[in-house]
């Protein structure tokens, strides 16, 4: 039987890691820059001390148009997440118009 979300979250806390939600909305017309920098962005998410828990594009109401990004990261501090996000190739390519970073407390995880 799978472990509960609370049990997995306790492992994160015991490892002195905290979860952070990052919500980014794209500039109008940013899709070509997003696509051109996708491989570098994906490689960035796989490196460093900030660990990606979940990530993916935010979609427009049509269900097809990418309009932003959503991440949950595990890191020691919010400043680590801010620095990691600032170094993201999407940020360097001016894909995102707005970025919001907040601590996140996962209460439910029904993926398992």
PDB file of N, CA and C in Angstrom:
ATOM      1  N   UNK A   1       0.847  -1.186   0.000  1.00  0.00           N
ATOM      2  CA  UNK A   1       0.000   0.000   0.000  1.00  0.00           C
ATOM      3  C   UNK A   1       0.881   1.235   0.000  1.00  0.00           C
ATOM      4  N   UNK A   2       0.505   2.283  -0.753  1.00  0.00           N
ATOM      5  CA  UNK A   2       1.287   3.509  -0.854  1.00  0.00           C
ATOM      6  C   UNK A   2       1.291   4.298   0.442  1.00  0.00           C
ATOM      7  N   UNK A   3       2.323   5.092   0.593  1.00  0.00           N
ATOM      8  CA  UNK A   3       2.432   5.940   1.776  1.00  0.00           C
ATOM      9  C   UNK A   3       1.522   7.143   1.617  1.00  0.00           C
ATOM     10  N   UNK A   4       1.041   7.655   2.720  1.00  0.00           N
ATOM     11  CA  UNK A   4       0.139   8.806   2.679  1.00  0.00           C
ATOM     12  C   UNK A   4       0.898  10.073   2.325  1.00  0.00           C
ATOM     13  N   UNK A   5       0.158  11.079   1.855  1.00  0.00           N
ATOM     14  CA  UNK A   5       0.771  12.379   1.552  1.00  0.00           C
ATOM     15  C   UNK A   5       1.420  12.948   2.795  1.00  0.00           C
ATOM     16  N   UNK A   6       0.778  12.790   3.945  1.00  0.00           N
ATOM     17  CA  UNK A   6       1.345  13.288   5.198  1.00  0.00           C
ATOM     18  C   UNK A   6       2.669  12.634   5.517  1.00  0.00           C
ATOM     19  N   UNK A   7       2.784  11.340   5.257  1.00  0.00           N
ATOM     20  CA  UNK A   7       4.033  10.624   5.501  1.00  0.00           C
ATOM     21  C   UNK A   7       5.133  11.116   4.572  1.00  0.00           C
ATOM     22  N   UNK A   8       4.801  11.314   3.286  1.00  0.00           N
ATOM     23  CA  UNK A   8       5.795  11.813   2.334  1.00  0.00           C
ATOM     24  C   UNK A   8       6.193  13.240   2.679  1.00  0.00           C
ATOM     25  N   UNK A   9       5.216  14.058   3.106  1.00  0.00           N
ATOM     26  CA  UNK A   9       5.511  15.437   3.481  1.00  0.00           C
ATOM     27  C   UNK A   9       6.410  15.474   4.703  1.00  0.00           C
ATOM     28  N   UNK A  10       6.201  14.556   5.662  1.00  0.00           N
ATOM     29  CA  UNK A  10       7.057  14.491   6.840  1.00  0.00           C
ATOM     30  C   UNK A  10       8.500  14.211   6.437  1.00  0.00           C
ATOM     31  N   UNK A  11       8.695  13.359   5.435  1.00  0.00           N
ATOM     32  CA  UNK A  11      10.051  13.098   4.941  1.00  0.00           C
ATOM     33  C   UNK A  11      10.690  14.376   4.433  1.00  0.00           C
ATOM     34  N   UNK A  12       9.928  15.216   3.751  1.00  0.00           N
ATOM     35  CA  UNK A  12      10.446  16.493   3.254  1.00  0.00           C
ATOM     36  C   UNK A  12      10.831  17.376   4.423  1.00  0.00           C
ATOM     37  N   UNK A  13       9.943  17.489   5.428  1.00  0.00           N
ATOM     38  CA  UNK A  13      10.234  18.324   6.597  1.00  0.00           C
ATOM     39  C   UNK A  13      11.466  17.822   7.332  1.00  0.00           C
ATOM     40  N   UNK A  14      11.562  16.505   7.520  1.00  0.00           N
ATOM     41  CA  UNK A  14      12.694  15.944   8.255  1.00  0.00           C
ATOM     42  C   UNK A  14      13.997  16.200   7.509  1.00  0.00           C
ATOM     43  N   UNK A  15      13.930  16.315   6.201  1.00  0.00           N
ATOM     44  CA  UNK A  15      15.104  16.613   5.397  1.00  0.00           C
ATOM     45  C   UNK A  15      15.376  18.109   5.320  1.00  0.00           C
ATOM     46  N   UNK A  16      14.707  18.893   6.158  1.00  0.00           N
ATOM     47  CA  UNK A  16      14.852  20.349   6.214  1.00  0.00           C
ATOM     48  C   UNK A  16      14.504  21.013   4.885  1.00  0.00           C
ATOM     49  N   UNK A  17      13.614  20.384   4.153  1.00  0.00           N
ATOM     50  CA  UNK A  17      13.174  20.941   2.892  1.00  0.00           C
ATOM     51  C   UNK A  17      11.734  21.419   3.049  1.00  0.00           C
ATOM     52  N   UNK A  18      11.396  22.461   2.335  1.00  0.00           N
ATOM     53  CA  UNK A  18      10.058  23.017   2.341  1.00  0.00           C
ATOM     54  C   UNK A  18       9.551  23.024   0.910  1.00  0.00           C
ATOM     55  N   UNK A  19       8.255  22.953   0.762  1.00  0.00           N
ATOM     56  CA  UNK A  19       7.657  23.026  -0.564  1.00  0.00           C
ATOM     57  C   UNK A  19       7.288  24.470  -0.886  1.00  0.00           C
ATOM     58  N   UNK A  20       7.439  24.819  -2.176  1.00  0.00           N
ATOM     59  CA  UNK A  20       7.119  26.156  -2.655  1.00  0.00           C
ATOM     60  C   UNK A  20       6.339  26.033  -3.956  1.00  0.00           C
ATOM     61  N   UNK A  21       5.248  26.791  -4.064  1.00  0.00           N
ATOM     62  CA  UNK A  21       4.473  26.864  -5.298  1.00  0.00           C
ATOM     63  C   UNK A  21       4.946  28.082  -6.087  1.00  0.00           C
ATOM     64  N   UNK A  22       5.189  27.872  -7.367  1.00  0.00           N
ATOM     65  CA  UNK A  22       5.622  28.953  -8.253  1.00  0.00           C
ATOM     66  C   UNK A  22       4.621  29.023  -9.408  1.00  0.00           C
ATOM     67  N   UNK A  23       3.989  30.184  -9.539  1.00  0.00           N
ATOM     68  CA  UNK A  23       2.965  30.417 -10.558  1.00  0.00           C
ATOM     69  C   UNK A  23       3.470  31.521 -11.474  1.00  0.00           C
ATOM     70  N   UNK A  24       3.630  31.217 -12.755  1.00  0.00           N
ATOM     71  CA  UNK A  24       4.173  32.172 -13.724  1.00  0.00           C
ATOM     72  C   UNK A  24       3.182  32.338 -14.868  1.00  0.00           C
ATOM     73  N   UNK A  25       2.913  33.578 -15.238  1.00  0.00           N
ATOM     74  CA  UNK A  25       2.074  33.858 -16.400  1.00  0.00           C
ATOM     75  C   UNK A  25       2.933  34.464 -17.501  1.00  0.00           C
ATOM     76  N   UNK A  26       2.700  34.000 -18.720  1.00  0.00           N
ATOM     77  CA  UNK A  26       3.497  34.421 -19.871  1.00  0.00           C
ATOM     78  C   UNK A  26       3.115  35.817 -20.362  1.00  0.00           C
ATOM     79  N   UNK A  27       4.080  36.473 -20.985  1.00  0.00           N
ATOM     80  CA  UNK A  27       3.803  37.676 -21.762  1.00  0.00           C
ATOM     81  C   UNK A  27       2.942  37.277 -22.966  1.00  0.00           C
ATOM     82  N   UNK A  28       2.117  38.187 -23.445  1.00  0.00           N
ATOM     83  CA  UNK A  28       1.405  37.957 -24.697  1.00  0.00           C
ATOM     84  C   UNK A  28       2.443  37.740 -25.797  1.00  0.00           C
ATOM     85  N   UNK A  29       2.218  36.766 -26.637  1.00  0.00           N
ATOM     86  CA  UNK A  29       3.131  36.505 -27.746  1.00  0.00           C
ATOM     87  C   UNK A  29       4.417  35.781 -27.364  1.00  0.00           C
ATOM     88  N   UNK A  30       4.474  35.204 -26.159  1.00  0.00           N
ATOM     89  CA  UNK A  30       5.706  34.562 -25.695  1.00  0.00           C
ATOM     90  C   UNK A  30       5.873  33.118 -26.178  1.00  0.00           C
ATOM     91  N   UNK A  31       4.871  32.562 -26.828  1.00  0.00           N
ATOM     92  CA  UNK A  31       4.948  31.154 -27.215  1.00  0.00           C
ATOM     93  C   UNK A  31       6.189  30.814 -28.034  1.00  0.00           C
ATOM     94  N   UNK A  32       6.590  31.595 -29.036  1.00  0.00           N
ATOM     95  CA  UNK A  32       7.807  31.249 -29.776  1.00  0.00           C
ATOM     96  C   UNK A  32       9.056  31.207 -28.877  1.00  0.00           C
ATOM     97  N   UNK A  33       9.167  32.137 -27.917  1.00  0.00           N
ATOM     98  CA  UNK A  33      10.311  32.124 -26.984  1.00  0.00           C
ATOM     99  C   UNK A  33      10.230  30.918 -26.055  1.00  0.00           C
ATOM    100  N   UNK A  34       9.019  30.582 -25.621  1.00  0.00           N
ATOM    101  CA  UNK A  34       8.812  29.414 -24.772  1.00  0.00           C
ATOM    102  C   UNK A  34       9.284  28.150 -25.498  1.00  0.00           C
ATOM    103  N   UNK A  35       8.842  27.971 -26.719  1.00  0.00           N
ATOM    104  CA  UNK A  35       9.199  26.766 -27.479  1.00  0.00           C
ATOM    105  C   UNK A  35      10.691  26.720 -27.788  1.00  0.00           C
ATOM    106  N   UNK A  36      11.294  27.855 -28.109  1.00  0.00           N
ATOM    107  CA  UNK A  36      12.722  27.909 -28.439  1.00  0.00           C
ATOM    108  C   UNK A  36      13.602  27.586 -27.238  1.00  0.00           C
ATOM    109  N   UNK A  37      13.098  27.804 -26.031  1.00  0.00           N
ATOM    110  CA  UNK A  37      13.897  27.599 -24.817  1.00  0.00           C
ATOM    111  C   UNK A  37      13.449  26.398 -24.000  1.00  0.00           C
ATOM    112  N   UNK A  38      12.554  25.595 -24.544  1.00  0.00           N
ATOM    113  CA  UNK A  38      11.989  24.477 -23.787  1.00  0.00           C
ATOM    114  C   UNK A  38      13.052  23.474 -23.337  1.00  0.00           C
ATOM    115  N   UNK A  39      13.936  23.050 -24.234  1.00  0.00           N
ATOM    116  CA  UNK A  39      14.940  22.039 -23.863  1.00  0.00           C
ATOM    117  C   UNK A  39      15.864  22.553 -22.760  1.00  0.00           C
ATOM    118  N   UNK A  40      16.288  23.804 -22.858  1.00  0.00           N
ATOM    119  CA  UNK A  40      17.152  24.385 -21.820  1.00  0.00           C
ATOM    120  C   UNK A  40      16.389  24.516 -20.507  1.00  0.00           C
ATOM    121  N   UNK A  41      15.116  24.882 -20.567  1.00  0.00           N
ATOM    122  CA  UNK A  41      14.269  24.984 -19.374  1.00  0.00           C
ATOM    123  C   UNK A  41      14.143  23.616 -18.698  1.00  0.00           C
ATOM    124  N   UNK A  42      13.870  22.595 -19.489  1.00  0.00           N
ATOM    125  CA  UNK A  42      13.719  21.237 -18.958  1.00  0.00           C
ATOM    126  C   UNK A  42      15.021  20.762 -18.298  1.00  0.00           C
ATOM    127  N   UNK A  43      16.149  21.036 -18.916  1.00  0.00           N
ATOM    128  CA  UNK A  43      17.446  20.666 -18.336  1.00  0.00           C
ATOM    129  C   UNK A  43      17.681  21.420 -17.028  1.00  0.00           C
ATOM    130  N   UNK A  44      17.293  22.679 -16.985  1.00  0.00           N
ATOM    131  CA  UNK A  44      17.455  23.485 -15.768  1.00  0.00           C
ATOM    132  C   UNK A  44      16.679  22.877 -14.604  1.00  0.00           C
ATOM    133  N   UNK A  45      15.456  22.415 -14.876  1.00  0.00           N
ATOM    134  CA  UNK A  45      14.630  21.843 -13.813  1.00  0.00           C
ATOM    135  C   UNK A  45      15.230  20.580 -13.217  1.00  0.00           C
ATOM    136  N   UNK A  46      16.122  19.928 -13.933  1.00  0.00           N
ATOM    137  CA  UNK A  46      16.715  18.668 -13.474  1.00  0.00           C
ATOM    138  C   UNK A  46      18.026  18.857 -12.714  1.00  0.00           C
ATOM    139  N   UNK A  47      18.431  20.092 -12.468  1.00  0.00           N
ATOM    140  CA  UNK A  47      19.736  20.321 -11.831  1.00  0.00           C
ATOM    141  C   UNK A  47      19.587  21.076 -10.523  1.00  0.00           C
ATOM    142  N   UNK A  48      20.646  21.083  -9.735  1.00  0.00           N
ATOM    143  CA  UNK A  48      20.735  21.938  -8.555  1.00  0.00           C
ATOM    144  C   UNK A  48      20.106  21.379  -7.307  1.00  0.00           C
ATOM    145  N   UNK A  49      20.137  22.182  -6.257  1.00  0.00           N
ATOM    146  CA  UNK A  49      19.619  21.793  -4.951  1.00  0.00           C
ATOM    147  C   UNK A  49      18.118  21.979  -4.826  1.00  0.00           C
ATOM    148  N   UNK A  50      17.521  22.730  -5.725  1.00  0.00           N
ATOM    149  CA  UNK A  50      16.069  22.885  -5.751  1.00  0.00           C
ATOM    150  C   UNK A  50      15.515  21.728  -6.570  1.00  0.00           C
ATOM    151  N   UNK A  51      14.641  20.952  -5.957  1.00  0.00           N
ATOM    152  CA  UNK A  51      14.094  19.759  -6.616  1.00  0.00           C
ATOM    153  C   UNK A  51      12.677  20.026  -7.108  1.00  0.00           C
ATOM    154  N   UNK A  52      12.403  19.617  -8.325  1.00  0.00           N
ATOM    155  CA  UNK A  52      11.080  19.771  -8.902  1.00  0.00           C
ATOM    156  C   UNK A  52      10.196  18.621  -8.436  1.00  0.00           C
ATOM    157  N   UNK A  53       9.099  18.954  -7.758  1.00  0.00           N
ATOM    158  CA  UNK A  53       8.132  17.956  -7.312  1.00  0.00           C
ATOM    159  C   UNK A  53       7.114  17.717  -8.423  1.00  0.00           C
ATOM    160  N   UNK A  54       6.540  18.801  -8.938  1.00  0.00           N
ATOM    161  CA  UNK A  54       5.663  18.745 -10.109  1.00  0.00           C
ATOM    162  C   UNK A  54       5.902  19.997 -10.938  1.00  0.00           C
ATOM    163  N   UNK A  55       5.648  19.891 -12.226  1.00  0.00           N
ATOM    164  CA  UNK A  55       5.752  21.065 -13.087  1.00  0.00           C
ATOM    165  C   UNK A  55       4.965  20.834 -14.356  1.00  0.00           C
ATOM    166  N   UNK A  56       4.575  21.932 -14.980  1.00  0.00           N
ATOM    167  CA  UNK A  56       3.892  21.832 -16.253  1.00  0.00           C
ATOM    168  C   UNK A  56       3.365  23.180 -16.677  1.00  0.00           C
ATOM    169  N   UNK A  57       2.945  23.276 -17.932  1.00  0.00           N
ATOM    170  CA  UNK A  57       2.424  24.549 -18.430  1.00  0.00           C
ATOM    171  C   UNK A  57       0.998  24.785 -17.948  1.00  0.00           C
ATOM    172  N   UNK A  58       0.695  26.046 -17.697  1.00  0.00           N
ATOM    173  CA  UNK A  58      -0.688  26.460 -17.489  1.00  0.00           C
ATOM    174  C   UNK A  58      -1.316  26.622 -18.865  1.00  0.00           C
ATOM    175  N   UNK A  59      -2.564  26.232 -18.987  1.00  0.00           N
ATOM    176  CA  UNK A  59      -3.232  26.252 -20.282  1.00  0.00           C
ATOM    177  C   UNK A  59      -4.362  27.266 -20.292  1.00  0.00           C
ATOM    178  N   UNK A  60      -4.585  27.856 -21.468  1.00  0.00           N
ATOM    179  CA  UNK A  60      -5.710  28.760 -21.642  1.00  0.00           C
ATOM    180  C   UNK A  60      -7.022  27.998 -21.611  1.00  0.00           C
ATOM    181  N   UNK A  61      -8.108  28.725 -21.618  1.00  0.00           N
ATOM    182  CA  UNK A  61      -9.428  28.101 -21.548  1.00  0.00           C
ATOM    183  C   UNK A  61      -9.702  27.164 -22.715  1.00  0.00           C
ATOM    184  N   UNK A  62      -8.986  27.340 -23.831  1.00  0.00           N
ATOM    185  CA  UNK A  62      -9.169  26.450 -24.973  1.00  0.00           C
ATOM    186  C   UNK A  62      -8.539  25.080 -24.741  1.00  0.00           C
ATOM    187  N   UNK A  63      -7.757  24.954 -23.660  1.00  0.00           N
ATOM    188  CA  UNK A  63      -7.123  23.679 -23.335  1.00  0.00           C
ATOM    189  C   UNK A  63      -5.928  23.347 -24.200  1.00  0.00           C
ATOM    190  N   UNK A  64      -5.527  24.250 -25.084  1.00  0.00           N
ATOM    191  CA  UNK A  64      -4.433  23.983 -26.007  1.00  0.00           C
ATOM    192  C   UNK A  64      -3.317  25.013 -25.961  1.00  0.00           C
ATOM    193  N   UNK A  65      -3.636  26.248 -25.604  1.00  0.00           N
ATOM    194  CA  UNK A  65      -2.662  27.340 -25.636  1.00  0.00           C
ATOM    195  C   UNK A  65      -1.941  27.442 -24.298  1.00  0.00           C
ATOM    196  N   UNK A  66      -0.605  27.349 -24.339  1.00  0.00           N
ATOM    197  CA  UNK A  66       0.183  27.502 -23.117  1.00  0.00           C
ATOM    198  C   UNK A  66       0.235  28.986 -22.746  1.00  0.00           C
ATOM    199  N   UNK A  67      -0.113  29.279 -21.476  1.00  0.00           N
ATOM    200  CA  UNK A  67      -0.174  30.670 -21.027  1.00  0.00           C
ATOM    201  C   UNK A  67       0.709  30.936 -19.808  1.00  0.00           C
ATOM    202  N   UNK A  68       1.412  29.935 -19.336  1.00  0.00           N
ATOM    203  CA  UNK A  68       2.246  30.114 -18.155  1.00  0.00           C
ATOM    204  C   UNK A  68       2.816  28.790 -17.678  1.00  0.00           C
ATOM    205  N   UNK A  69       3.315  28.817 -16.451  1.00  0.00           N
ATOM    206  CA  UNK A  69       3.952  27.641 -15.860  1.00  0.00           C
ATOM    207  C   UNK A  69       3.540  27.512 -14.404  1.00  0.00           C
ATOM    208  N   UNK A  70       3.449  26.267 -13.935  1.00  0.00           N
ATOM    209  CA  UNK A  70       3.174  25.982 -12.534  1.00  0.00           C
ATOM    210  C   UNK A  70       4.180  24.954 -12.046  1.00  0.00           C
ATOM    211  N   UNK A  71       4.784  25.244 -10.904  1.00  0.00           N
ATOM    212  CA  UNK A  71       5.767  24.346 -10.313  1.00  0.00           C
ATOM    213  C   UNK A  71       5.476  24.174  -8.836  1.00  0.00           C
ATOM    214  N   UNK A  72       5.826  23.020  -8.312  1.00  0.00           N
ATOM    215  CA  UNK A  72       6.013  22.845  -6.873  1.00  0.00           C
ATOM    216  C   UNK A  72       7.445  22.367  -6.731  1.00  0.00           C
ATOM    217  N   UNK A  73       8.225  23.144  -5.979  1.00  0.00           N
ATOM    218  CA  UNK A  73       9.633  22.829  -5.741  1.00  0.00           C
ATOM    219  C   UNK A  73       9.840  22.461  -4.283  1.00  0.00           C
ATOM    220  N   UNK A  74      10.846  21.655  -4.028  1.00  0.00           N
ATOM    221  CA  UNK A  74      11.315  21.350  -2.688  1.00  0.00           C
ATOM    222  C   UNK A  74      12.683  22.002  -2.542  1.00  0.00           C
ATOM    223  N   UNK A  75      12.849  22.832  -1.496  1.00  0.00           N
ATOM    224  CA  UNK A  75      14.103  23.556  -1.305  1.00  0.00           C
ATOM    225  C   UNK A  75      14.251  23.925   0.161  1.00  0.00           C
ATOM    226  N   UNK A  76      15.443  24.326   0.535  1.00  0.00           N
ATOM    227  CA  UNK A  76      15.687  24.727   1.918  1.00  0.00           C
ATOM    228  C   UNK A  76      15.069  26.078   2.237  1.00  0.00           C
ATOM    229  N   UNK A  77      15.149  27.035   1.300  1.00  0.00           N
ATOM    230  CA  UNK A  77      14.632  28.378   1.573  1.00  0.00           C
ATOM    231  C   UNK A  77      13.935  28.947   0.345  1.00  0.00           C
ATOM    232  N   UNK A  78      13.095  29.928   0.588  1.00  0.00           N
ATOM    233  CA  UNK A  78      12.425  30.616  -0.515  1.00  0.00           C
ATOM    234  C   UNK A  78      13.449  31.371  -1.374  1.00  0.00           C
ATOM    235  N   UNK A  79      14.527  31.840  -0.756  1.00  0.00           N
ATOM    236  CA  UNK A  79      15.569  32.523  -1.534  1.00  0.00           C
ATOM    237  C   UNK A  79      16.241  31.570  -2.517  1.00  0.00           C
ATOM    238  N   UNK A  80      16.383  30.292  -2.132  1.00  0.00           N
ATOM    239  CA  UNK A  80      16.924  29.299  -3.072  1.00  0.00           C
ATOM    240  C   UNK A  80      16.006  29.152  -4.277  1.00  0.00           C
ATOM    241  N   UNK A  81      14.700  29.141  -4.033  1.00  0.00           N
ATOM    242  CA  UNK A  81      13.726  29.018  -5.122  1.00  0.00           C
ATOM    243  C   UNK A  81      13.740  30.270  -5.992  1.00  0.00           C
ATOM    244  N   UNK A  82      13.822  31.433  -5.362  1.00  0.00           N
ATOM    245  CA  UNK A  82      13.883  32.684  -6.135  1.00  0.00           C
ATOM    246  C   UNK A  82      15.101  32.698  -7.058  1.00  0.00           C
ATOM    247  N   UNK A  83      16.244  32.302  -6.538  1.00  0.00           N
ATOM    248  CA  UNK A  83      17.469  32.285  -7.348  1.00  0.00           C
ATOM    249  C   UNK A  83      17.371  31.248  -8.463  1.00  0.00           C
ATOM    250  N   UNK A  84      16.833  30.063  -8.141  1.00  0.00           N
ATOM    251  CA  UNK A  84      16.673  29.000  -9.131  1.00  0.00           C
ATOM    252  C   UNK A  84      15.746  29.464 -10.252  1.00  0.00           C
ATOM    253  N   UNK A  85      14.640  30.101  -9.879  1.00  0.00           N
ATOM    254  CA  UNK A  85      13.689  30.595 -10.868  1.00  0.00           C
ATOM    255  C   UNK A  85      14.290  31.715 -11.707  1.00  0.00           C
ATOM    256  N   UNK A  86      15.073  32.583 -11.080  1.00  0.00           N
ATOM    257  CA  UNK A  86      15.718  33.680 -11.817  1.00  0.00           C
ATOM    258  C   UNK A  86      16.685  33.152 -12.868  1.00  0.00           C
ATOM    259  N   UNK A  87      17.294  31.987 -12.610  1.00  0.00           N
ATOM    260  CA  UNK A  87      18.242  31.376 -13.544  1.00  0.00           C
ATOM    261  C   UNK A  87      17.571  30.522 -14.615  1.00  0.00           C
ATOM    262  N   UNK A  88      16.253  30.366 -14.539  1.00  0.00           N
ATOM    263  CA  UNK A  88      15.539  29.532 -15.501  1.00  0.00           C
ATOM    264  C   UNK A  88      15.637  30.162 -16.891  1.00  0.00           C
ATOM    265  N   UNK A  89      15.926  29.366 -17.913  1.00  0.00           N
ATOM    266  CA  UNK A  89      16.002  29.897 -19.280  1.00  0.00           C
ATOM    267  C   UNK A  89      14.717  30.597 -19.738  1.00  0.00           C
ATOM    268  N   UNK A  90      13.554  30.174 -19.249  1.00  0.00           N
ATOM    269  CA  UNK A  90      12.324  30.886 -19.600  1.00  0.00           C
ATOM    270  C   UNK A  90      12.356  32.304 -19.051  1.00  0.00           C
ATOM    271  N   UNK A  91      12.899  32.475 -17.864  1.00  0.00           N
ATOM    272  CA  UNK A  91      13.005  33.812 -17.277  1.00  0.00           C
ATOM    273  C   UNK A  91      14.001  34.649 -18.078  1.00  0.00           C
ATOM    274  N   UNK A  92      15.142  34.063 -18.406  1.00  0.00           N
ATOM    275  CA  UNK A  92      16.165  34.780 -19.177  1.00  0.00           C
ATOM    276  C   UNK A  92      15.642  35.178 -20.566  1.00  0.00           C
ATOM    277  N   UNK A  93      14.754  34.361 -21.135  1.00  0.00           N
ATOM    278  CA  UNK A  93      14.196  34.640 -22.470  1.00  0.00           C
ATOM    279  C   UNK A  93      12.963  35.541 -22.408  1.00  0.00           C
ATOM    280  N   UNK A  94      12.640  36.042 -21.204  1.00  0.00           N
ATOM    281  CA  UNK A  94      11.511  36.951 -21.025  1.00  0.00           C
ATOM    282  C   UNK A  94      10.184  36.313 -21.438  1.00  0.00           C
ATOM    283  N   UNK A  95      10.023  35.030 -21.110  1.00  0.00           N
ATOM    284  CA  UNK A  95       8.762  34.340 -21.367  1.00  0.00           C
ATOM    285  C   UNK A  95       7.707  34.788 -20.365  1.00  0.00           C
ATOM    286  N   UNK A  96       8.096  34.887 -19.085  1.00  0.00           N
ATOM    287  CA  UNK A  96       7.126  35.159 -18.022  1.00  0.00           C
ATOM    288  C   UNK A  96       6.925  36.650 -17.788  1.00  0.00           C
ATOM    289  N   UNK A  97       5.674  37.054 -17.735  1.00  0.00           N
ATOM    290  CA  UNK A  97       5.305  38.427 -17.402  1.00  0.00           C
ATOM    291  C   UNK A  97       5.244  38.610 -15.892  1.00  0.00           C
ATOM    292  N   UNK A  98       4.735  37.588 -15.194  1.00  0.00           N
ATOM    293  CA  UNK A  98       4.626  37.672 -13.736  1.00  0.00           C
ATOM    294  C   UNK A  98       5.020  36.348 -13.112  1.00  0.00           C
ATOM    295  N   UNK A  99       5.612  36.440 -11.918  1.00  0.00           N
ATOM    296  CA  UNK A  99       6.065  35.263 -11.180  1.00  0.00           C
ATOM    297  C   UNK A  99       5.644  35.444  -9.724  1.00  0.00           C
ATOM    298  N   UNK A 100       4.984  34.440  -9.184  1.00  0.00           N
ATOM    299  CA  UNK A 100       4.586  34.438  -7.780  1.00  0.00           C
ATOM    300  C   UNK A 100       5.173  33.198  -7.121  1.00  0.00           C
ATOM    301  N   UNK A 101       5.877  33.374  -6.006  1.00  0.00           N
ATOM    302  CA  UNK A 101       6.503  32.264  -5.287  1.00  0.00           C
ATOM    303  C   UNK A 101       6.018  32.303  -3.845  1.00  0.00           C
ATOM    304  N   UNK A 102       5.412  31.188  -3.411  1.00  0.00           N
ATOM    305  CA  UNK A 102       4.876  31.110  -2.055  1.00  0.00           C
ATOM    306  C   UNK A 102       5.185  29.761  -1.420  1.00  0.00           C
ATOM    307  N   UNK A 103       5.419  29.724  -0.103  1.00  0.00           N
ATOM    308  CA  UNK A 103       5.507  28.434   0.583  1.00  0.00           C
ATOM    309  C   UNK A 103       4.195  27.674   0.365  1.00  0.00           C
ATOM    310  N   UNK A 104       4.291  26.363   0.302  1.00  0.00           N
ATOM    311  CA  UNK A 104       3.139  25.519  -0.006  1.00  0.00           C
ATOM    312  C   UNK A 104       3.090  24.367   0.980  1.00  0.00           C
ATOM    313  N   UNK A 105       1.922  24.132   1.566  1.00  0.00           N
ATOM    314  CA  UNK A 105       1.717  23.017   2.473  1.00  0.00           C
ATOM    315  C   UNK A 105       0.812  22.004   1.790  1.00  0.00           C
ATOM    316  N   UNK A 106       1.381  20.876   1.392  1.00  0.00           N
ATOM    317  CA  UNK A 106       0.611  19.839   0.704  1.00  0.00           C
ATOM    318  C   UNK A 106      -0.190  19.047   1.739  1.00  0.00           C
ATOM    319  N   UNK A 107      -1.485  19.166   1.660  1.00  0.00           N
ATOM    320  CA  UNK A 107      -2.352  18.435   2.579  1.00  0.00           C
ATOM    321  C   UNK A 107      -2.872  17.149   1.964  1.00  0.00           C
ATOM    322  N   UNK A 108      -3.061  17.141   0.651  1.00  0.00           N
ATOM    323  CA  UNK A 108      -3.613  15.971  -0.024  1.00  0.00           C
ATOM    324  C   UNK A 108      -2.778  15.684  -1.256  1.00  0.00           C
ATOM    325  N   UNK A 109      -2.451  14.428  -1.446  1.00  0.00           N
ATOM    326  CA  UNK A 109      -1.763  13.973  -2.648  1.00  0.00           C
ATOM    327  C   UNK A 109      -2.390  12.649  -3.042  1.00  0.00           C
ATOM    328  N   UNK A 110      -3.238  12.684  -4.049  1.00  0.00           N
ATOM    329  CA  UNK A 110      -3.985  11.498  -4.472  1.00  0.00           C
ATOM    330  C   UNK A 110      -3.367  10.811  -5.685  1.00  0.00           C
ATOM    331  N   UNK A 111      -2.107  11.121  -5.985  1.00  0.00           N
ATOM    332  CA  UNK A 111      -1.492  10.524  -7.171  1.00  0.00           C
ATOM    333  C   UNK A 111      -1.188   9.052  -6.980  1.00  0.00           C
ATOM    334  N   UNK A 112      -1.021   8.576  -5.762  1.00  0.00           N
ATOM    335  CA  UNK A 112      -0.697   7.149  -5.539  1.00  0.00           C
ATOM    336  C   UNK A 112      -1.844   6.422  -4.913  1.00  0.00           C
TER     337      UNK A 112
END
